[in-house]
């Protein structure tokens, strides 16, 4: 169910995508990258993040919500939706003030059983430890006008565990976040972008209004709101040939 990643770095190469539909971009970690990091691309420097916010602002874009996606043709309101996966503390530390100063908000998808702990699912694969936001920090995030969504309880591959266990991950994460923060949890994010029709049906049954994947692209009017696409933010690639080819093919389908 996963499409090849098309990475976002600068608005320069994405004007057509951003005009076709309300774009959703996703981040994981912000700020300095520690030594011995296994997956370097999940870190975005504070400088690049600020540059992207400034670029959107200067181009007339404003902050949107996941609720805005897949509802209208084009992007008449010039909105861009910011999402963060996992709930890393460095997002609060390096992202909150730059967003607030430019009028942007975002949604942070939280791993419900690991609040105030660390990235255990990554550490099992040899990744560097990174702390996750605790409950007080999440409340600070919410007080600034941001949102939270569910990202399962423990961050498993949902298609690779028994369906009953996947059900618990989908249902319980929503319940725990609602109980812990006293707000409705309406949005879900598939861990690793890993989903199939059975998992999607669980998300629907649990009552989520949207769910986001790691599949790249724009969410046109009428898109399935439980399999929304996003652009993952990365540093600029040295090889844009394949990117250009994918963009031209996609736009050809949209216009044709």
Protein backbone atom coordinates (compact mmCIF):
# COMPACT_ATOMS: atom_id res chain seq x y z
CA UNK A 1 0.00 0.00 0.00
CA UNK A 2 3.02 2.33 0.14
CA UNK A 3 3.97 4.58 -2.80
CA UNK A 4 7.53 5.78 -3.43
CA UNK A 5 8.47 8.69 -1.20
CA UNK A 6 8.43 12.12 -2.81
CA UNK A 7 10.27 14.40 -0.41
CA UNK A 8 9.43 18.02 0.22
CA UNK A 9 12.23 20.53 0.71
CA UNK A 10 11.27 23.78 -1.02
CA UNK A 11 8.11 25.27 -2.47
CA UNK A 12 9.93 25.85 -5.76
CA UNK A 13 9.26 22.33 -7.02
CA UNK A 14 5.79 21.93 -5.51
CA UNK A 15 3.71 24.86 -6.79
CA UNK A 16 1.56 22.62 -9.02
CA UNK A 17 0.99 20.10 -6.25
CA UNK A 18 0.04 22.83 -3.75
CA UNK A 19 -2.41 24.35 -6.25
CA UNK A 20 -4.06 21.01 -7.06
CA UNK A 21 -5.24 20.35 -3.51
CA UNK A 22 -4.59 21.30 0.11
CA UNK A 23 -1.15 19.78 0.77
CA UNK A 24 -0.23 17.81 3.87
CA UNK A 25 3.43 17.80 4.88
CA UNK A 26 4.92 15.65 7.60
CA UNK A 27 7.88 15.95 9.92
CA UNK A 28 9.30 13.73 12.63
CA UNK A 29 12.20 15.38 14.47
CA UNK A 30 13.40 18.98 14.57
CA UNK A 31 16.72 20.48 15.58
CA UNK A 32 20.33 19.26 15.79
CA UNK A 33 20.95 15.69 14.69
CA UNK A 34 22.85 13.63 17.29
CA UNK A 35 25.83 11.50 16.32
CA UNK A 36 25.36 7.88 15.27
CA UNK A 37 21.82 8.47 14.05
CA UNK A 38 20.62 5.59 11.92
CA UNK A 39 17.94 7.37 9.85
CA UNK A 40 19.33 10.85 9.28
CA UNK A 41 16.47 11.97 7.03
CA UNK A 42 13.99 12.06 9.90
CA UNK A 43 15.74 15.13 11.32
CA UNK A 44 15.02 18.60 9.93
CA UNK A 45 17.17 21.45 11.20
CA UNK A 46 15.63 24.45 12.93
CA UNK A 47 17.02 26.63 10.17
CA UNK A 48 15.34 24.67 7.37
CA UNK A 49 12.07 24.53 9.28
CA UNK A 50 12.08 28.29 9.74
CA UNK A 51 12.93 28.76 6.06
CA UNK A 52 9.97 26.63 5.02
CA UNK A 53 7.57 28.53 7.26
CA UNK A 54 8.88 31.83 5.92
CA UNK A 55 8.63 30.62 2.32
CA UNK A 56 5.00 29.58 2.76
CA UNK A 57 4.17 32.87 4.45
CA UNK A 58 5.78 34.96 1.72
CA UNK A 59 3.92 32.96 -0.94
CA UNK A 60 0.59 33.71 0.74
CA UNK A 61 -0.05 30.28 2.27
CA UNK A 62 -1.65 29.96 5.69
CA UNK A 63 -2.08 27.19 8.17
CA UNK A 64 -4.67 24.52 7.52
CA UNK A 65 -6.03 21.48 9.33
CA UNK A 66 -6.37 17.85 8.36
CA UNK A 67 -10.08 18.64 8.27
CA UNK A 68 -9.43 20.78 5.16
CA UNK A 69 -8.05 17.95 3.04
CA UNK A 70 -9.88 16.11 0.28
CA UNK A 71 -12.94 18.37 0.41
CA UNK A 72 -12.58 20.87 -2.45
CA UNK A 73 -11.12 21.12 -5.91
CA UNK A 74 -7.83 22.96 -5.88
CA UNK A 75 -6.59 24.98 -2.94
CA UNK A 76 -8.56 28.25 -3.08
CA UNK A 77 -7.70 29.18 0.50
CA UNK A 78 -3.97 28.60 -0.08
CA UNK A 79 -3.63 26.35 2.95
CA UNK A 80 -0.87 23.95 3.95
CA UNK A 81 -1.31 21.33 6.66
CA UNK A 82 1.60 20.57 9.00
CA UNK A 83 1.76 17.17 10.68
CA UNK A 84 4.34 15.69 13.06
CA UNK A 85 4.62 11.98 13.75
CA UNK A 86 5.46 10.36 17.11
CA UNK A 87 5.43 13.26 19.60
CA UNK A 88 9.13 14.06 19.89
CA UNK A 89 10.13 16.59 22.53
CA UNK A 90 12.45 18.34 20.08
CA UNK A 91 9.42 19.39 18.03
CA UNK A 92 8.10 21.37 20.98
CA UNK A 93 11.54 22.81 21.71
CA UNK A 94 12.43 23.83 18.15
CA UNK A 95 9.06 24.15 16.44
CA UNK A 96 6.54 25.78 18.74
CA UNK A 97 7.84 29.35 18.71
CA UNK A 98 8.64 29.53 14.95
CA UNK A 99 5.11 28.32 14.16
CA UNK A 100 3.50 30.65 16.67
CA UNK A 101 5.40 33.68 15.36
CA UNK A 102 4.17 33.02 11.80
CA UNK A 103 0.62 32.03 12.64
CA UNK A 104 1.00 28.33 11.86
CA UNK A 105 -0.38 25.40 13.83
CA UNK A 106 0.10 21.66 13.42
CA UNK A 107 -1.12 18.28 14.54
CA UNK A 108 1.13 15.94 16.49
CA UNK A 109 0.33 12.20 16.24
CA UNK A 110 1.12 10.60 19.61
CA UNK A 111 2.10 7.07 20.58
CA UNK A 112 -0.29 6.75 23.50
CA UNK A 113 1.60 4.28 25.71
CA UNK A 114 4.95 6.06 25.33
CA UNK A 115 4.02 9.59 26.41
CA UNK A 116 6.88 10.94 28.51
CA UNK A 117 9.11 8.03 27.51
CA UNK A 118 11.22 7.63 24.37
CA UNK A 119 11.27 6.18 20.85
CA UNK A 120 11.37 2.54 21.93
CA UNK A 121 10.24 1.21 18.53
CA UNK A 122 13.25 2.88 16.88
CA UNK A 123 15.71 1.92 19.57
CA UNK A 124 14.89 -1.74 19.02
CA UNK A 125 16.26 -1.26 15.50
CA UNK A 126 19.45 0.42 16.72
CA UNK A 127 18.34 4.05 16.55
CA UNK A 128 19.53 6.81 18.88
CA UNK A 129 17.30 7.49 21.88
CA UNK A 130 15.07 10.55 21.62
CA UNK A 131 12.64 11.65 24.37
CA UNK A 132 8.94 12.03 23.67
CA UNK A 133 6.76 14.80 25.05
CA UNK A 134 5.23 14.22 28.46
CA UNK A 135 1.66 15.14 29.40
CA UNK A 136 2.57 18.65 30.57
CA UNK A 137 4.41 19.38 27.33
CA UNK A 138 1.49 18.07 25.29
CA UNK A 139 -0.81 20.45 27.16
CA UNK A 140 1.58 23.28 26.30
CA UNK A 141 1.37 22.19 22.65
CA UNK A 142 -2.43 22.23 22.79
CA UNK A 143 -2.56 25.58 24.60
CA UNK A 144 -0.70 27.12 21.66
CA UNK A 145 -3.60 26.19 19.37
CA UNK A 146 -2.20 22.94 18.02
CA UNK A 147 -3.90 19.55 17.74
CA UNK A 148 -3.10 15.98 18.65
CA UNK A 149 -4.08 12.70 17.00
CA UNK A 150 -3.54 9.01 17.65
CA UNK A 151 -0.57 7.05 16.33
CA UNK A 152 -1.42 3.71 17.99
CA UNK A 153 -0.37 2.66 21.50
CA UNK A 154 3.09 1.19 20.82
CA UNK A 155 3.91 2.00 17.15
CA UNK A 156 3.71 -1.49 15.59
CA UNK A 157 3.29 -2.48 11.95
CA UNK A 158 -0.48 -2.88 12.13
CA UNK A 159 -0.67 -5.26 9.16
CA UNK A 160 1.92 -7.57 10.72
CA UNK A 161 0.20 -8.29 14.03
CA UNK A 162 -3.03 -10.24 14.74
CA UNK A 163 -6.13 -8.27 13.82
CA UNK A 164 -7.37 -8.36 17.43
CA UNK A 165 -4.12 -6.75 18.56
CA UNK A 166 -4.34 -4.16 15.79
CA UNK A 167 -7.86 -3.37 16.96
CA UNK A 168 -6.58 -2.69 20.46
CA UNK A 169 -3.84 -0.41 19.12
CA UNK A 170 -6.35 1.60 17.08
CA UNK A 171 -9.17 1.77 19.63
CA UNK A 172 -7.21 2.08 22.86
CA UNK A 173 -4.92 4.84 21.61
CA UNK A 174 -7.93 7.04 20.97
CA UNK A 175 -9.50 6.23 24.31
CA UNK A 176 -6.30 6.88 26.28
CA UNK A 177 -5.65 10.23 24.65
CA UNK A 178 -9.24 11.37 25.13
CA UNK A 179 -9.17 10.32 28.79
CA UNK A 180 -5.77 11.91 29.36
CA UNK A 181 -6.40 15.27 27.71
CA UNK A 182 -10.18 15.66 27.80
CA UNK A 183 -10.60 16.42 24.09
CA UNK A 184 -12.01 14.46 21.13
CA UNK A 185 -9.39 12.54 19.13
CA UNK A 186 -10.60 12.56 15.52
CA UNK A 187 -7.47 11.86 13.48
CA UNK A 188 -5.26 8.77 13.17
CA UNK A 189 -1.83 8.16 11.67
CA UNK A 190 -0.79 4.67 10.54
CA UNK A 191 2.58 3.74 12.13
CA UNK A 192 5.19 3.37 9.37
CA UNK A 193 2.39 4.25 6.94
CA UNK A 194 1.48 0.56 7.16
CA UNK A 195 -2.16 -0.18 6.39
CA UNK A 196 -4.43 -2.49 4.43
CA UNK A 197 -8.22 -2.61 3.97
CA UNK A 198 -8.72 -4.58 7.21
CA UNK A 199 -6.73 -2.02 9.23
CA UNK A 200 -8.51 0.85 7.51
CA UNK A 201 -11.85 -0.72 8.48
CA UNK A 202 -10.71 -0.80 12.12
CA UNK A 203 -9.89 2.89 11.95
CA UNK A 204 -13.34 3.60 10.53
CA UNK A 205 -15.02 1.43 13.17
CA UNK A 206 -13.13 3.27 15.92
CA UNK A 207 -14.76 6.50 14.77
CA UNK A 208 -11.80 8.43 13.43
CA UNK A 209 -12.73 11.06 10.85
CA UNK A 210 -9.41 10.95 8.98
CA UNK A 211 -6.26 8.86 8.83
CA UNK A 212 -2.96 9.74 7.17
CA UNK A 213 -0.48 7.50 5.38
CA UNK A 214 3.08 7.95 4.12
CA UNK A 215 1.96 7.74 0.51
CA UNK A 216 3.00 10.83 -1.43
CA UNK A 217 0.62 13.02 -3.37
CA UNK A 218 -2.27 15.46 -3.22
CA UNK A 219 -5.69 14.65 -1.79
CA UNK A 220 -8.16 15.66 -4.48
CA UNK A 221 -11.85 16.25 -3.81
CA UNK A 222 -13.46 12.93 -2.99
CA UNK A 223 -10.25 11.28 -1.77
CA UNK A 224 -10.64 8.55 0.82
CA UNK A 225 -10.29 10.48 4.08
CA UNK A 226 -8.99 7.39 5.88
CA UNK A 227 -6.01 7.01 3.52
CA UNK A 228 -4.85 10.59 3.06
CA UNK A 229 -1.52 11.24 1.35
CA UNK A 230 1.32 13.42 2.65
CA UNK A 231 4.68 14.81 1.57
CA UNK A 232 7.51 13.90 3.92
CA UNK A 233 9.95 16.74 4.51
CA UNK A 234 13.58 15.98 3.67
CA UNK A 235 16.63 17.96 2.66
CA UNK A 236 16.88 18.58 -1.07
CA UNK A 237 17.75 15.48 -3.03
CA UNK A 238 20.69 15.41 -5.40
CA UNK A 239 18.67 13.49 -7.94
CA UNK A 240 15.56 15.33 -9.12
CA UNK A 241 15.19 13.40 -12.36
CA UNK A 242 12.84 10.79 -10.93
CA UNK A 243 10.99 13.47 -8.98
CA UNK A 244 10.29 15.47 -12.14
CA UNK A 245 9.11 12.38 -13.95
CA UNK A 246 6.67 11.46 -11.16
CA UNK A 247 5.31 15.02 -11.00
CA UNK A 248 4.69 15.14 -14.74
CA UNK A 249 2.95 11.76 -14.72
CA UNK A 250 0.75 12.71 -11.79
CA UNK A 251 -0.23 16.08 -13.21
CA UNK A 252 -0.96 14.43 -16.56
CA UNK A 253 -3.46 12.12 -14.85
CA UNK A 254 -5.09 15.00 -12.96
CA UNK A 255 -5.44 17.20 -16.04
CA UNK A 256 -6.27 14.41 -18.44
